Structures are given as C-alpha cells and as structure tokens.
Amino acid sequence: MDVMMYLFLAALLIPANIYVIKWHRSGSFPLLVSGIILAVLGVGLGFTVGGIVMGPGNSGHGGALMAAFVGIFIVANGLIHVFAGLNYDREAQTYIDFTNREEGVHG
C-alpha cells in the first residue's frame, strides 16, 4: 500500500512540476499563482486520498498517516513554487529597474 501511495505521489507531482515550469517559461502562467493553486489543491487532495484509503468499516490508521503525508508534501511543493515565484518576481523587477533608466538621470 505504501508503494502505491508513493507512486501516486510521484505520478501526480512530476507532471505537475513539469507543466508549472513549462507554463512559467512560456509566460502564460506566473510561478507564484501556480504555487498558491498547488498548495490549496494539496489540502483537498490530502483529504480525498484519506477518504479513499480510510473507507467505511476500516480503521485505516496507516492510510490516514499516508494521506496526511501526501497532503503535506504537495502543500510544501506548492510553497516552494510560491517562494521561487516571489524570488523570481523580485529579481525580474530589479532587472527591469536597472535597464529602464533614462540616460540623463545620472549625468
């Protein structure tokens, strides 16, 4: 059961990260927003996995722990994207500020 959950986590996060980076590089979707969406959806996905694993009539303590792990891991992945997006936006803003100066300002 643990192996199935790890494979589920990998099958979910690897394509999600690839598409987030691809969309960010093409300029169609900001990294900050995709990180927020991923963090919010991670909570819902953790609850969904917990509901599926714990099923009615099953104590499912191990499944509940695994579902919590999946949720926390996806939220942490989303927060990494959020912080990377904040850092990227800050660096892009600094880059824009230095390159758009008029020539007569410093002279």
PDB file of N, CA and C in Angstrom:
ATOM      1  N   MET A   1       0.821  -1.190   0.000  1.00  0.00           N
ATOM      2  CA  MET A   1       0.000   0.000   0.000  1.00  0.00           C
ATOM      3  C   MET A   1       0.861   1.249   0.000  1.00  0.00           C
ATOM      4  N   ASP A   2       1.956   1.214   0.754  1.00  0.00           N
ATOM      5  CA  ASP A   2       2.831   2.381   0.799  1.00  0.00           C
ATOM      6  C   ASP A   2       3.444   2.667  -0.567  1.00  0.00           C
ATOM      7  N   VAL A   3       3.827   1.625  -1.257  1.00  0.00           N
ATOM      8  CA  VAL A   3       4.428   1.800  -2.581  1.00  0.00           C
ATOM      9  C   VAL A   3       3.427   2.430  -3.545  1.00  0.00           C
ATOM     10  N   MET A   4       2.170   2.019  -3.458  1.00  0.00           N
ATOM     11  CA  MET A   4       1.138   2.603  -4.324  1.00  0.00           C
ATOM     12  C   MET A   4       0.950   4.091  -4.042  1.00  0.00           C
ATOM     13  N   MET A   5       1.012   4.467  -2.784  1.00  0.00           N
ATOM     14  CA  MET A   5       0.857   5.886  -2.440  1.00  0.00           C
ATOM     15  C   MET A   5       2.053   6.700  -2.928  1.00  0.00           C
ATOM     16  N   TYR A   6       3.250   6.137  -2.803  1.00  0.00           N
ATOM     17  CA  TYR A   6       4.432   6.852  -3.294  1.00  0.00           C
ATOM     18  C   TYR A   6       4.399   6.977  -4.816  1.00  0.00           C
ATOM     19  N   LEU A   7       3.955   5.938  -5.495  1.00  0.00           N
ATOM     20  CA  LEU A   7       3.825   6.013  -6.945  1.00  0.00           C
ATOM     21  C   LEU A   7       2.753   7.017  -7.350  1.00  0.00           C
ATOM     22  N   PHE A   8       1.653   7.065  -6.606  1.00  0.00           N
ATOM     23  CA  PHE A   8       0.607   8.052  -6.852  1.00  0.00           C
ATOM     24  C   PHE A   8       1.153   9.461  -6.678  1.00  0.00           C
ATOM     25  N   LEU A   9       1.926   9.662  -5.617  1.00  0.00           N
ATOM     26  CA  LEU A   9       2.512  10.974  -5.355  1.00  0.00           C
ATOM     27  C   LEU A   9       3.471  11.377  -6.466  1.00  0.00           C
ATOM     28  N   ALA A  10       4.303  10.447  -6.899  1.00  0.00           N
ATOM     29  CA  ALA A  10       5.245  10.745  -7.981  1.00  0.00           C
ATOM     30  C   ALA A  10       4.511  10.987  -9.296  1.00  0.00           C
ATOM     31  N   ALA A  11       3.489  10.181  -9.575  1.00  0.00           N
ATOM     32  CA  ALA A  11       2.728  10.348 -10.813  1.00  0.00           C
ATOM     33  C   ALA A  11       1.959  11.654 -10.828  1.00  0.00           C
ATOM     34  N   LEU A  12       1.667  12.201  -9.685  1.00  0.00           N
ATOM     35  CA  LEU A  12       0.955  13.469  -9.609  1.00  0.00           C
ATOM     36  C   LEU A  12       1.906  14.659  -9.655  1.00  0.00           C
ATOM     37  N   LEU A  13       2.976  14.596  -8.886  1.00  0.00           N
ATOM     38  CA  LEU A  13       3.843  15.763  -8.740  1.00  0.00           C
ATOM     39  C   LEU A  13       4.823  15.971  -9.892  1.00  0.00           C
ATOM     40  N   ILE A  14       5.333  14.915 -10.467  1.00  0.00           N
ATOM     41  CA  ILE A  14       6.314  15.096 -11.545  1.00  0.00           C
ATOM     42  C   ILE A  14       5.684  15.796 -12.756  1.00  0.00           C
ATOM     43  N   PRO A  15       4.547  15.343 -13.271  1.00  0.00           N
ATOM     44  CA  PRO A  15       3.946  16.097 -14.386  1.00  0.00           C
ATOM     45  C   PRO A  15       3.483  17.496 -13.972  1.00  0.00           C
ATOM     46  N   ALA A  16       2.987  17.638 -12.738  1.00  0.00           N
ATOM     47  CA  ALA A  16       2.555  18.965 -12.286  1.00  0.00           C
ATOM     48  C   ALA A  16       3.723  19.935 -12.275  1.00  0.00           C
ATOM     49  N   ASN A  17       4.871  19.504 -11.776  1.00  0.00           N
ATOM     50  CA  ASN A  17       6.043  20.380 -11.752  1.00  0.00           C
ATOM     51  C   ASN A  17       6.546  20.683 -13.158  1.00  0.00           C
ATOM     52  N   ILE A  18       6.513  19.708 -14.033  1.00  0.00           N
ATOM     53  CA  ILE A  18       6.957  19.936 -15.413  1.00  0.00           C
ATOM     54  C   ILE A  18       6.065  20.967 -16.094  1.00  0.00           C
ATOM     55  N   TYR A  19       4.755  20.831 -15.940  1.00  0.00           N
ATOM     56  CA  TYR A  19       3.848  21.777 -16.580  1.00  0.00           C
ATOM     57  C   TYR A  19       3.924  23.165 -15.952  1.00  0.00           C
ATOM     58  N   VAL A  20       4.106  23.240 -14.645  1.00  0.00           N
ATOM     59  CA  VAL A  20       4.227  24.547 -13.995  1.00  0.00           C
ATOM     60  C   VAL A  20       5.445  25.290 -14.529  1.00  0.00           C
ATOM     61  N   ILE A  21       6.556  24.608 -14.640  1.00  0.00           N
ATOM     62  CA  ILE A  21       7.767  25.253 -15.142  1.00  0.00           C
ATOM     63  C   ILE A  21       7.628  25.595 -16.622  1.00  0.00           C
ATOM     64  N   LYS A  22       7.014  24.701 -17.389  1.00  0.00           N
ATOM     65  CA  LYS A  22       6.815  24.969 -18.815  1.00  0.00           C
ATOM     66  C   LYS A  22       5.913  26.189 -19.017  1.00  0.00           C
ATOM     67  N   TRP A  23       4.821  26.270 -18.261  1.00  0.00           N
ATOM     68  CA  TRP A  23       3.915  27.417 -18.386  1.00  0.00           C
ATOM     69  C   TRP A  23       4.577  28.701 -17.912  1.00  0.00           C
ATOM     70  N   HIS A  24       5.418  28.597 -16.891  1.00  0.00           N
ATOM     71  CA  HIS A  24       6.115  29.784 -16.404  1.00  0.00           C
ATOM     72  C   HIS A  24       7.117  30.297 -17.440  1.00  0.00           C
ATOM     73  N   ARG A  25       7.852  29.393 -18.048  1.00  0.00           N
ATOM     74  CA  ARG A  25       8.846  29.801 -19.053  1.00  0.00           C
ATOM     75  C   ARG A  25       8.196  30.383 -20.294  1.00  0.00           C
ATOM     76  N   SER A  26       7.019  29.893 -20.659  1.00  0.00           N
ATOM     77  CA  SER A  26       6.332  30.444 -21.829  1.00  0.00           C
ATOM     78  C   SER A  26       5.655  31.769 -21.507  1.00  0.00           C
ATOM     79  N   GLY A  27       5.560  32.108 -20.231  1.00  0.00           N
ATOM     80  CA  GLY A  27       4.960  33.379 -19.834  1.00  0.00           C
ATOM     81  C   GLY A  27       3.452  33.342 -19.740  1.00  0.00           C
ATOM     82  N   SER A  28       2.853  32.169 -19.840  1.00  0.00           N
ATOM     83  CA  SER A  28       1.393  32.091 -19.817  1.00  0.00           C
ATOM     84  C   SER A  28       0.816  31.970 -18.411  1.00  0.00           C
ATOM     85  N   PHE A  29       1.640  31.598 -17.419  1.00  0.00           N
ATOM     86  CA  PHE A  29       1.116  31.412 -16.072  1.00  0.00           C
ATOM     87  C   PHE A  29       2.219  31.730 -15.064  1.00  0.00           C
ATOM     88  N   PRO A  30       1.991  32.676 -14.153  1.00  0.00           N
ATOM     89  CA  PRO A  30       3.046  33.029 -13.191  1.00  0.00           C
ATOM     90  C   PRO A  30       3.342  31.905 -12.203  1.00  0.00           C
ATOM     91  N   LEU A  31       4.570  31.804 -11.817  1.00  0.00           N
ATOM     92  CA  LEU A  31       5.005  30.763 -10.886  1.00  0.00           C
ATOM     93  C   LEU A  31       4.363  30.949  -9.518  1.00  0.00           C
ATOM     94  N   LEU A  32       4.199  32.180  -9.092  1.00  0.00           N
ATOM     95  CA  LEU A  32       3.601  32.472  -7.790  1.00  0.00           C
ATOM     96  C   LEU A  32       2.164  31.961  -7.717  1.00  0.00           C
ATOM     97  N   VAL A  33       1.387  32.226  -8.739  1.00  0.00           N
ATOM     98  CA  VAL A  33      -0.025  31.813  -8.747  1.00  0.00           C
ATOM     99  C   VAL A  33      -0.146  30.289  -8.818  1.00  0.00           C
ATOM    100  N   SER A  34       0.694  29.664  -9.630  1.00  0.00           N
ATOM    101  CA  SER A  34       0.621  28.203  -9.716  1.00  0.00           C
ATOM    102  C   SER A  34       1.016  27.552  -8.397  1.00  0.00           C
ATOM    103  N   GLY A  35       1.953  28.151  -7.659  1.00  0.00           N
ATOM    104  CA  GLY A  35       2.309  27.626  -6.343  1.00  0.00           C
ATOM    105  C   GLY A  35       1.169  27.742  -5.353  1.00  0.00           C
ATOM    106  N   ILE A  36       0.452  28.858  -5.399  1.00  0.00           N
ATOM    107  CA  ILE A  36      -0.704  29.035  -4.498  1.00  0.00           C
ATOM    108  C   ILE A  36      -1.789  28.015  -4.830  1.00  0.00           C
ATOM    109  N   ILE A  37      -2.060  27.838  -6.113  1.00  0.00           N
ATOM    110  CA  ILE A  37      -3.077  26.858  -6.516  1.00  0.00           C
ATOM    111  C   ILE A  37      -2.667  25.451  -6.100  1.00  0.00           C
ATOM    112  N   LEU A  38      -1.394  25.113  -6.294  1.00  0.00           N
ATOM    113  CA  LEU A  38      -0.914  23.790  -5.917  1.00  0.00           C
ATOM    114  C   LEU A  38      -0.999  23.586  -4.401  1.00  0.00           C
ATOM    115  N   ALA A  39      -0.693  24.609  -3.628  1.00  0.00           N
ATOM    116  CA  ALA A  39      -0.774  24.482  -2.168  1.00  0.00           C
ATOM    117  C   ALA A  39      -2.223  24.311  -1.703  1.00  0.00           C
ATOM    118  N   VAL A  40      -3.139  25.033  -2.313  1.00  0.00           N
ATOM    119  CA  VAL A  40      -4.551  24.917  -1.928  1.00  0.00           C
ATOM    120  C   VAL A  40      -5.113  23.557  -2.350  1.00  0.00           C
ATOM    121  N   LEU A  41      -4.779  23.126  -3.564  1.00  0.00           N
ATOM    122  CA  LEU A  41      -5.277  21.833  -4.024  1.00  0.00           C
ATOM    123  C   LEU A  41      -4.638  20.670  -3.274  1.00  0.00           C
ATOM    124  N   GLY A  42      -3.454  20.872  -2.716  1.00  0.00           N
ATOM    125  CA  GLY A  42      -2.796  19.823  -1.941  1.00  0.00           C
ATOM    126  C   GLY A  42      -3.575  19.446  -0.701  1.00  0.00           C
ATOM    127  N   VAL A  43      -4.201  20.434  -0.073  1.00  0.00           N
ATOM    128  CA  VAL A  43      -5.014  20.152   1.115  1.00  0.00           C
ATOM    129  C   VAL A  43      -6.222  19.303   0.725  1.00  0.00           C
ATOM    130  N   GLY A  44      -6.900  19.704  -0.333  1.00  0.00           N
ATOM    131  CA  GLY A  44      -8.058  18.934  -0.791  1.00  0.00           C
ATOM    132  C   GLY A  44      -7.687  17.545  -1.256  1.00  0.00           C
ATOM    133  N   LEU A  45      -6.544  17.429  -1.908  1.00  0.00           N
ATOM    134  CA  LEU A  45      -6.106  16.121  -2.362  1.00  0.00           C
ATOM    135  C   LEU A  45      -5.739  15.215  -1.187  1.00  0.00           C
ATOM    136  N   GLY A  46      -5.151  15.788  -0.138  1.00  0.00           N
ATOM    137  CA  GLY A  46      -4.850  15.007   1.060  1.00  0.00           C
ATOM    138  C   GLY A  46      -6.114  14.464   1.706  1.00  0.00           C
ATOM    139  N   PHE A  47      -7.149  15.309   1.789  1.00  0.00           N
ATOM    140  CA  PHE A  47      -8.422  14.837   2.344  1.00  0.00           C
ATOM    141  C   PHE A  47      -9.062  13.771   1.457  1.00  0.00           C
ATOM    142  N   THR A  48      -8.961  13.957   0.147  1.00  0.00           N
ATOM    143  CA  THR A  48      -9.540  12.978  -0.772  1.00  0.00           C
ATOM    144  C   THR A  48      -8.846  11.631  -0.666  1.00  0.00           C
ATOM    145  N   VAL A  49      -7.524  11.657  -0.653  1.00  0.00           N
ATOM    146  CA  VAL A  49      -6.772  10.399  -0.513  1.00  0.00           C
ATOM    147  C   VAL A  49      -7.089   9.754   0.828  1.00  0.00           C
ATOM    148  N   GLY A  50      -7.207  10.535   1.880  1.00  0.00           N
ATOM    149  CA  GLY A  50      -7.560   9.995   3.189  1.00  0.00           C
ATOM    150  C   GLY A  50      -8.932   9.357   3.194  1.00  0.00           C
ATOM    151  N   GLY A  51      -9.879   9.984   2.519  1.00  0.00           N
ATOM    152  CA  GLY A  51     -11.224   9.420   2.438  1.00  0.00           C
ATOM    153  C   GLY A  51     -11.266   8.130   1.651  1.00  0.00           C
ATOM    154  N   ILE A  52     -10.468   8.052   0.595  1.00  0.00           N
ATOM    155  CA  ILE A  52     -10.432   6.836  -0.210  1.00  0.00           C
ATOM    156  C   ILE A  52      -9.765   5.698   0.560  1.00  0.00           C
ATOM    157  N   VAL A  53      -8.637   5.991   1.201  1.00  0.00           N
ATOM    158  CA  VAL A  53      -7.883   4.949   1.891  1.00  0.00           C
ATOM    159  C   VAL A  53      -8.593   4.472   3.150  1.00  0.00           C
ATOM    160  N   MET A  54      -9.217   5.403   3.877  1.00  0.00           N
ATOM    161  CA  MET A  54      -9.830   5.027   5.149  1.00  0.00           C
ATOM    162  C   MET A  54     -11.177   4.357   4.966  1.00  0.00           C
ATOM    163  N   GLY A  55     -11.854   4.502   3.886  1.00  0.00           N
ATOM    164  CA  GLY A  55     -13.105   3.820   3.581  1.00  0.00           C
ATOM    165  C   GLY A  55     -13.964   3.452   4.789  1.00  0.00           C
ATOM    166  N   PRO A  56     -15.237   3.189   4.578  1.00  0.00           N
ATOM    167  CA  PRO A  56     -16.116   2.805   5.682  1.00  0.00           C
ATOM    168  C   PRO A  56     -15.785   1.415   6.216  1.00  0.00           C
ATOM    169  N   GLY A  57     -15.814   1.270   7.514  1.00  0.00           N
ATOM    170  CA  GLY A  57     -15.568  -0.018   8.145  1.00  0.00           C
ATOM    171  C   GLY A  57     -14.102  -0.392   8.238  1.00  0.00           C
ATOM    172  N   ASN A  58     -13.220   0.538   7.993  1.00  0.00           N
ATOM    173  CA  ASN A  58     -11.790   0.262   8.031  1.00  0.00           C
ATOM    174  C   ASN A  58     -11.139   1.286   8.958  1.00  0.00           C
ATOM    175  N   SER A  59     -10.324   0.820   9.887  1.00  0.00           N
ATOM    176  CA  SER A  59      -9.682   1.779  10.780  1.00  0.00           C
ATOM    177  C   SER A  59      -8.679   2.625  10.014  1.00  0.00           C
ATOM    178  N   GLY A  60      -7.871   2.029   9.157  1.00  0.00           N
ATOM    179  CA  GLY A  60      -7.008   2.738   8.224  1.00  0.00           C
ATOM    180  C   GLY A  60      -6.058   3.744   8.826  1.00  0.00           C
ATOM    181  N   HIS A  61      -5.486   3.435   9.972  1.00  0.00           N
ATOM    182  CA  HIS A  61      -4.578   4.403  10.599  1.00  0.00           C
ATOM    183  C   HIS A  61      -3.353   4.664   9.734  1.00  0.00           C
ATOM    184  N   GLY A  62      -2.803   3.621   9.141  1.00  0.00           N
ATOM    185  CA  GLY A  62      -1.646   3.801   8.261  1.00  0.00           C
ATOM    186  C   GLY A  62      -2.005   4.601   7.026  1.00  0.00           C
ATOM    187  N   GLY A  63      -3.197   4.354   6.494  1.00  0.00           N
ATOM    188  CA  GLY A  63      -3.661   5.112   5.329  1.00  0.00           C
ATOM    189  C   GLY A  63      -3.881   6.569   5.645  1.00  0.00           C
ATOM    190  N   ALA A  64      -4.369   6.844   6.849  1.00  0.00           N
ATOM    191  CA  ALA A  64      -4.571   8.232   7.249  1.00  0.00           C
ATOM    192  C   ALA A  64      -3.239   8.968   7.371  1.00  0.00           C
ATOM    193  N   LEU A  65      -2.253   8.287   7.919  1.00  0.00           N
ATOM    194  CA  LEU A  65      -0.932   8.904   8.008  1.00  0.00           C
ATOM    195  C   LEU A  65      -0.346   9.142   6.629  1.00  0.00           C
ATOM    196  N   MET A  66      -0.530   8.197   5.733  1.00  0.00           N
ATOM    197  CA  MET A  66      -0.020   8.359   4.377  1.00  0.00           C
ATOM    198  C   MET A  66      -0.746   9.490   3.652  1.00  0.00           C
ATOM    199  N   ALA A  67      -2.054   9.608   3.852  1.00  0.00           N
ATOM    200  CA  ALA A  67      -2.806  10.699   3.239  1.00  0.00           C
ATOM    201  C   ALA A  67      -2.337  12.049   3.772  1.00  0.00           C
ATOM    202  N   ALA A  68      -2.059  12.110   5.070  1.00  0.00           N
ATOM    203  CA  ALA A  68      -1.535  13.345   5.634  1.00  0.00           C
ATOM    204  C   ALA A  68      -0.157  13.666   5.049  1.00  0.00           C
ATOM    205  N   PHE A  69       0.652  12.636   4.858  1.00  0.00           N
ATOM    206  CA  PHE A  69       1.965  12.831   4.247  1.00  0.00           C
ATOM    207  C   PHE A  69       1.826  13.355   2.821  1.00  0.00           C
ATOM    208  N   VAL A  70       0.911  12.792   2.046  1.00  0.00           N
ATOM    209  CA  VAL A  70       0.692  13.244   0.674  1.00  0.00           C
ATOM    210  C   VAL A  70       0.256  14.704   0.669  1.00  0.00           C
ATOM    211  N   GLY A  71      -0.698  15.048   1.523  1.00  0.00           N
ATOM    212  CA  GLY A  71      -1.172  16.428   1.588  1.00  0.00           C
ATOM    213  C   GLY A  71      -0.079  17.397   1.986  1.00  0.00           C
ATOM    214  N   ILE A  72       0.687  17.054   3.008  1.00  0.00           N
ATOM    215  CA  ILE A  72       1.760  17.943   3.469  1.00  0.00           C
ATOM    216  C   ILE A  72       2.840  18.081   2.396  1.00  0.00           C
ATOM    217  N   PHE A  73       3.158  16.992   1.728  1.00  0.00           N
ATOM    218  CA  PHE A  73       4.190  17.026   0.697  1.00  0.00           C
ATOM    219  C   PHE A  73       3.761  17.901  -0.478  1.00  0.00           C
ATOM    220  N   ILE A  74       2.503  17.826  -0.889  1.00  0.00           N
ATOM    221  CA  ILE A  74       2.017  18.638  -2.008  1.00  0.00           C
ATOM    222  C   ILE A  74       1.935  20.098  -1.603  1.00  0.00           C
ATOM    223  N   VAL A  75       1.501  20.386  -0.385  1.00  0.00           N
ATOM    224  CA  VAL A  75       1.476  21.774   0.097  1.00  0.00           C
ATOM    225  C   VAL A  75       2.893  22.337   0.158  1.00  0.00           C
ATOM    226  N   ALA A  76       3.856  21.540   0.633  1.00  0.00           N
ATOM    227  CA  ALA A  76       5.244  22.005   0.680  1.00  0.00           C
ATOM    228  C   ALA A  76       5.770  22.270  -0.728  1.00  0.00           C
ATOM    229  N   ASN A  77       5.407  21.429  -1.681  1.00  0.00           N
ATOM    230  CA  ASN A  77       5.815  21.648  -3.064  1.00  0.00           C
ATOM    231  C   ASN A  77       5.217  22.954  -3.594  1.00  0.00           C
ATOM    232  N   GLY A  78       3.958  23.207  -3.282  1.00  0.00           N
ATOM    233  CA  GLY A  78       3.328  24.462  -3.693  1.00  0.00           C
ATOM    234  C   GLY A  78       3.999  25.665  -3.055  1.00  0.00           C
ATOM    235  N   LEU A  79       4.367  25.552  -1.774  1.00  0.00           N
ATOM    236  CA  LEU A  79       5.044  26.670  -1.107  1.00  0.00           C
ATOM    237  C   LEU A  79       6.430  26.919  -1.694  1.00  0.00           C
ATOM    238  N   ILE A  80       7.099  25.872  -2.126  1.00  0.00           N
ATOM    239  CA  ILE A  80       8.391  26.066  -2.803  1.00  0.00           C
ATOM    240  C   ILE A  80       8.184  26.865  -4.085  1.00  0.00           C
ATOM    241  N   HIS A  81       7.123  26.555  -4.812  1.00  0.00           N
ATOM    242  CA  HIS A  81       6.821  27.323  -6.023  1.00  0.00           C
ATOM    243  C   HIS A  81       6.470  28.767  -5.689  1.00  0.00           C
ATOM    244  N   VAL A  82       5.742  28.983  -4.590  1.00  0.00           N
ATOM    245  CA  VAL A  82       5.389  30.344  -4.186  1.00  0.00           C
ATOM    246  C   VAL A  82       6.646  31.149  -3.867  1.00  0.00           C
ATOM    247  N   PHE A  83       7.546  30.586  -3.061  1.00  0.00           N
ATOM    248  CA  PHE A  83       8.763  31.310  -2.702  1.00  0.00           C
ATOM    249  C   PHE A  83       9.667  31.516  -3.906  1.00  0.00           C
ATOM    250  N   ALA A  84       9.728  30.533  -4.798  1.00  0.00           N
ATOM    251  CA  ALA A  84      10.515  30.710  -6.020  1.00  0.00           C
ATOM    252  C   ALA A  84       9.896  31.791  -6.901  1.00  0.00           C
ATOM    253  N   GLY A  85       8.569  31.834  -6.968  1.00  0.00           N
ATOM    254  CA  GLY A  85       7.893  32.885  -7.737  1.00  0.00           C
ATOM    255  C   GLY A  85       8.120  34.259  -7.150  1.00  0.00           C
ATOM    256  N   LEU A  86       8.086  34.366  -5.820  1.00  0.00           N
ATOM    257  CA  LEU A  86       8.371  35.655  -5.184  1.00  0.00           C
ATOM    258  C   LEU A  86       9.800  36.097  -5.464  1.00  0.00           C
ATOM    259  N   ASN A  87      10.736  35.173  -5.370  1.00  0.00           N
ATOM    260  CA  ASN A  87      12.128  35.500  -5.631  1.00  0.00           C
ATOM    261  C   ASN A  87      12.329  35.869  -7.094  1.00  0.00           C
ATOM    262  N   TYR A  88      11.696  35.131  -7.994  1.00  0.00           N
ATOM    263  CA  TYR A  88      11.838  35.419  -9.417  1.00  0.00           C
ATOM    264  C   TYR A  88      11.243  36.783  -9.750  1.00  0.00           C
ATOM    265  N   ASP A  89      10.069  37.086  -9.193  1.00  0.00           N
ATOM    266  CA  ASP A  89       9.451  38.387  -9.443  1.00  0.00           C
ATOM    267  C   ASP A  89      10.307  39.521  -8.903  1.00  0.00           C
ATOM    268  N   ARG A  90      10.916  39.302  -7.746  1.00  0.00           N
ATOM    269  CA  ARG A  90      11.778  40.337  -7.169  1.00  0.00           C
ATOM    270  C   ARG A  90      13.008  40.556  -8.037  1.00  0.00           C
ATOM    271  N   GLU A  91      13.611  39.470  -8.516  1.00  0.00           N
ATOM    272  CA  GLU A  91      14.778  39.595  -9.385  1.00  0.00           C
ATOM    273  C   GLU A  91      14.398  40.213 -10.724  1.00  0.00           C
ATOM    274  N   ALA A  92      13.242  39.856 -11.263  1.00  0.00           N
ATOM    275  CA  ALA A  92      12.814  40.431 -12.536  1.00  0.00           C
ATOM    276  C   ALA A  92      12.541  41.922 -12.379  1.00  0.00           C
ATOM    277  N   GLN A  93      11.991  42.315 -11.255  1.00  0.00           N
ATOM    278  CA  GLN A  93      11.714  43.724 -11.014  1.00  0.00           C
ATOM    279  C   GLN A  93      13.020  44.504 -10.903  1.00  0.00           C
ATOM    280  N   THR A  94      14.006  43.940 -10.213  1.00  0.00           N
ATOM    281  CA  THR A  94      15.306  44.591 -10.097  1.00  0.00           C
ATOM    282  C   THR A  94      15.941  44.715 -11.479  1.00  0.00           C
ATOM    283  N   TYR A  95      15.833  43.684 -12.277  1.00  0.00           N
ATOM    284  CA  TYR A  95      16.396  43.712 -13.620  1.00  0.00           C
ATOM    285  C   TYR A  95      15.726  44.801 -14.447  1.00  0.00           C
ATOM    286  N   ILE A  96      14.411  44.908 -14.353  1.00  0.00           N
ATOM    287  CA  ILE A  96      13.685  45.927 -15.115  1.00  0.00           C
ATOM    288  C   ILE A  96      14.068  47.315 -14.626  1.00  0.00           C
ATOM    289  N   ASP A  97      14.201  47.515 -13.317  1.00  0.00           N
ATOM    290  CA  ASP A  97      14.553  48.825 -12.795  1.00  0.00           C
ATOM    291  C   ASP A  97      15.919  49.293 -13.292  1.00  0.00           C
ATOM    292  N   PHE A  98      16.885  48.389 -13.382  1.00  0.00           N
ATOM    293  CA  PHE A  98      18.222  48.782 -13.805  1.00  0.00           C
ATOM    294  C   PHE A  98      18.314  49.017 -15.309  1.00  0.00           C
ATOM    295  N   THR A  99      17.490  48.388 -16.088  1.00  0.00           N
ATOM    296  CA  THR A  99      17.618  48.523 -17.535  1.00  0.00           C
ATOM    297  C   THR A  99      16.755  49.626 -18.117  1.00  0.00           C
ATOM    298  N   ASN A 100      15.766  50.118 -17.410  1.00  0.00           N
ATOM    299  CA  ASN A 100      14.869  51.127 -17.960  1.00  0.00           C
ATOM    300  C   ASN A 100      15.175  52.541 -17.487  1.00  0.00           C
ATOM    301  N   ARG A 101      16.359  52.806 -17.073  1.00  0.00           N
ATOM    302  CA  ARG A 101      16.720  54.156 -16.627  1.00  0.00           C
ATOM    303  C   ARG A 101      16.988  55.050 -17.840  1.00  0.00           C
ATOM    304  N   GLU A 102      16.635  56.292 -17.676  1.00  0.00           N
ATOM    305  CA  GLU A 102      16.915  57.251 -18.745  1.00  0.00           C
ATOM    306  C   GLU A 102      18.380  57.663 -18.663  1.00  0.00           C
ATOM    307  N   GLU A 103      18.954  58.084 -19.793  1.00  0.00           N
ATOM    308  CA  GLU A 103      20.365  58.403 -19.828  1.00  0.00           C
ATOM    309  C   GLU A 103      20.702  59.683 -19.080  1.00  0.00           C
ATOM    310  N   GLY A 104      19.817  60.631 -19.040  1.00  0.00           N
ATOM    311  CA  GLY A 104      20.114  61.921 -18.425  1.00  0.00           C
ATOM    312  C   GLY A 104      19.922  61.949 -16.921  1.00  0.00           C
ATOM    313  N   VAL A 105      19.472  60.896 -16.306  1.00  0.00           N
ATOM    314  CA  VAL A 105      19.186  60.904 -14.868  1.00  0.00           C
ATOM    315  C   VAL A 105      20.463  60.953 -14.059  1.00  0.00           C
ATOM    316  N   HIS A 106      21.486  60.232 -14.437  1.00  0.00           N
ATOM    317  CA  HIS A 106      22.709  60.140 -13.643  1.00  0.00           C
ATOM    318  C   HIS A 106      23.754  61.179 -14.033  1.00  0.00           C
ATOM    319  N   GLY A 107      23.568  61.842 -15.091  1.00  0.00           N
ATOM    320  CA  GLY A 107      24.626  62.707 -15.587  1.00  0.00           C
ATOM    321  C   GLY A 107      24.543  64.066 -15.116  1.00  0.00           C
TER     322      GLY A 107
END
